Protein backbone atom coordinates (compact mmCIF):
# COMPACT_ATOMS: atom_id res chain seq x y z
CA MET A 1 0.00 0.00 0.00
CA SER A 2 1.52 3.31 -1.04
CA ARG A 3 1.46 6.29 1.23
CA VAL A 4 0.15 9.65 0.15
CA LYS A 5 3.00 12.09 0.06
CA PRO A 6 2.48 15.42 1.84
CA TYR A 7 3.18 17.45 -1.29
CA HIS A 8 0.37 15.59 -3.09
CA VAL A 9 -2.05 16.71 -0.38
CA VAL A 10 -0.78 20.29 -0.60
CA LEU A 11 -1.04 20.21 -4.40
CA ALA A 12 -4.60 18.85 -4.23
CA VAL A 13 -5.64 21.58 -1.77
CA VAL A 14 -4.03 24.29 -3.91
CA LEU A 15 -5.82 22.97 -7.02
CA ILE A 16 -9.16 22.95 -5.20
CA ILE A 17 -8.61 26.53 -3.99
CA VAL A 18 -7.67 27.68 -7.49
CA ALA A 19 -10.73 25.94 -8.98
CA VAL A 20 -13.06 27.55 -6.44
CA PHE A 21 -11.44 30.93 -7.07
CA LEU A 22 -11.84 30.62 -10.84
CA ILE A 23 -15.47 29.57 -10.50
CA ARG A 24 -16.17 32.56 -8.25
CA VAL A 25 -14.42 34.93 -10.65
CA ARG A 26 -16.43 33.55 -13.55
CA LEU A 27 -19.66 33.87 -11.62
CA ALA A 28 -18.77 37.40 -10.55
CA ALA A 29 -18.06 38.35 -14.16
CA GLY A 30 -21.50 37.05 -15.09
CA GLU A 31 -23.10 39.20 -12.41
CA VAL A 32 -22.67 42.37 -14.44
CA ALA A 33 -26.15 43.74 -14.84
CA PRO A 34 -27.53 42.98 -18.30
CA VAL A 35 -28.44 46.66 -18.77
CA GLU A 36 -24.86 47.72 -18.04
CA ALA A 37 -23.45 45.03 -20.31
CA GLY A 38 -25.92 46.05 -23.04
CA HIS A 39 -24.86 49.68 -22.69
CA ARG A 40 -21.23 48.64 -23.20
CA LEU A 41 -22.17 46.68 -26.32
CA ALA A 42 -24.24 49.54 -27.71
CA THR A 43 -21.41 51.97 -27.12
CA ALA A 44 -18.90 49.68 -28.81
CA TRP A 45 -20.96 48.41 -31.74
CA CYS A 46 -23.97 50.65 -32.37
CA ARG A 47 -22.86 54.21 -31.65
CA GLU A 48 -21.58 54.81 -35.16
CA CYS A 49 -25.12 54.73 -36.55
CA HIS A 50 -27.40 55.20 -33.53
CA ALA A 51 -27.57 57.62 -30.63
CA VAL A 52 -27.39 55.02 -27.89
CA GLU A 53 -27.80 57.15 -24.76
CA PRO A 54 -30.74 59.23 -23.53
CA GLY A 55 -30.32 62.86 -24.53
CA ALA A 56 -27.66 62.08 -27.11
CA LEU A 57 -28.17 63.91 -30.35
CA ASN A 58 -28.48 61.96 -33.56
CA PRO A 59 -27.43 64.52 -36.19
CA GLY A 60 -26.83 63.09 -39.63
CA LYS A 61 -27.40 59.52 -38.50
CA LYS A 62 -29.98 57.67 -40.53
CA ALA A 63 -30.63 55.03 -37.87
CA PRO A 64 -33.16 55.75 -35.11
CA ASP A 65 -31.86 56.50 -31.65
CA PHE A 66 -32.24 53.83 -28.99
CA VAL A 67 -34.71 55.88 -26.93
CA ALA A 68 -37.01 56.10 -29.97
CA ILE A 69 -36.65 52.37 -30.58
CA ALA A 70 -37.43 51.61 -26.94
CA ASN A 71 -40.57 53.72 -27.08
CA MET A 72 -42.02 52.23 -30.25
CA PRO A 73 -45.23 50.35 -29.40
CA SER A 74 -43.87 47.31 -31.23
CA SER A 75 -40.65 47.16 -29.18
CA THR A 76 -40.88 44.17 -26.89
CA GLU A 77 -38.23 41.80 -25.66
CA LEU A 78 -39.26 39.24 -28.25
CA SER A 79 -39.54 41.67 -31.18
CA LEU A 80 -36.10 43.15 -30.47
CA LYS A 81 -34.52 39.70 -30.18
CA VAL A 82 -36.05 38.66 -33.49
CA PHE A 83 -34.95 41.91 -35.12
CA LEU A 84 -31.36 41.52 -33.90
CA ALA A 85 -31.25 37.90 -35.10
CA SER A 86 -32.48 38.85 -38.59
CA SER A 87 -30.32 40.18 -41.38
CA HIS A 88 -31.10 43.74 -42.51
CA PRO A 89 -29.66 45.47 -45.58
CA THR A 90 -29.16 48.77 -43.72
CA MET A 91 -27.31 47.24 -40.77
CA PRO A 92 -23.91 45.59 -40.59
CA ASN A 93 -24.03 41.83 -40.20
CA ILE A 94 -22.95 41.65 -36.56
CA ILE A 95 -23.25 38.18 -35.08
CA LEU A 96 -24.36 38.41 -31.47
CA THR A 97 -24.28 35.65 -28.89
CA SER A 98 -27.53 34.96 -27.09
CA THR A 99 -26.13 36.70 -24.01
CA ASP A 100 -25.11 39.75 -26.06
CA THR A 101 -28.59 39.89 -27.58
CA GLU A 102 -30.27 39.63 -24.18
CA ASP A 103 -28.00 42.34 -22.75
CA LEU A 104 -28.55 44.69 -25.69
CA VAL A 105 -32.32 44.18 -25.54
CA ALA A 106 -32.29 44.79 -21.77
CA TYR A 107 -30.42 48.06 -22.33
CA ILE A 108 -32.74 49.25 -25.10
CA LEU A 109 -35.85 48.43 -23.04
CA SER A 110 -34.37 50.21 -20.02
CA LEU A 111 -34.63 53.42 -22.06
CA LYS A 112 -38.43 53.14 -22.36
CA ARG A 113 -40.23 56.11 -20.86
CA LYS A 114 -42.40 54.98 -18.00
């Protein structure tokens, strides 16, 4: 019967601690509010054509601003998800993950006047 060497125990404990740490970091990264994450995406990907923030001017941009989109009667979570998943000749063909789509939709809907 072989004995467990002390450094194997230490190594196993260190690996468990690292695994728990990485899981917590990953979970913490996922805890960014969808609205905040959607705002980041809109700023990075959509700002060239859309005014993405409330009060932002949209001079010379042919695309509607996000506040106007949010306040359209047809703008629902489902309709925005379908729109973003569909190809449109006037928009670049940006491929969004499902999480990106959910975050962007959450941000747009957060701009709806109550």
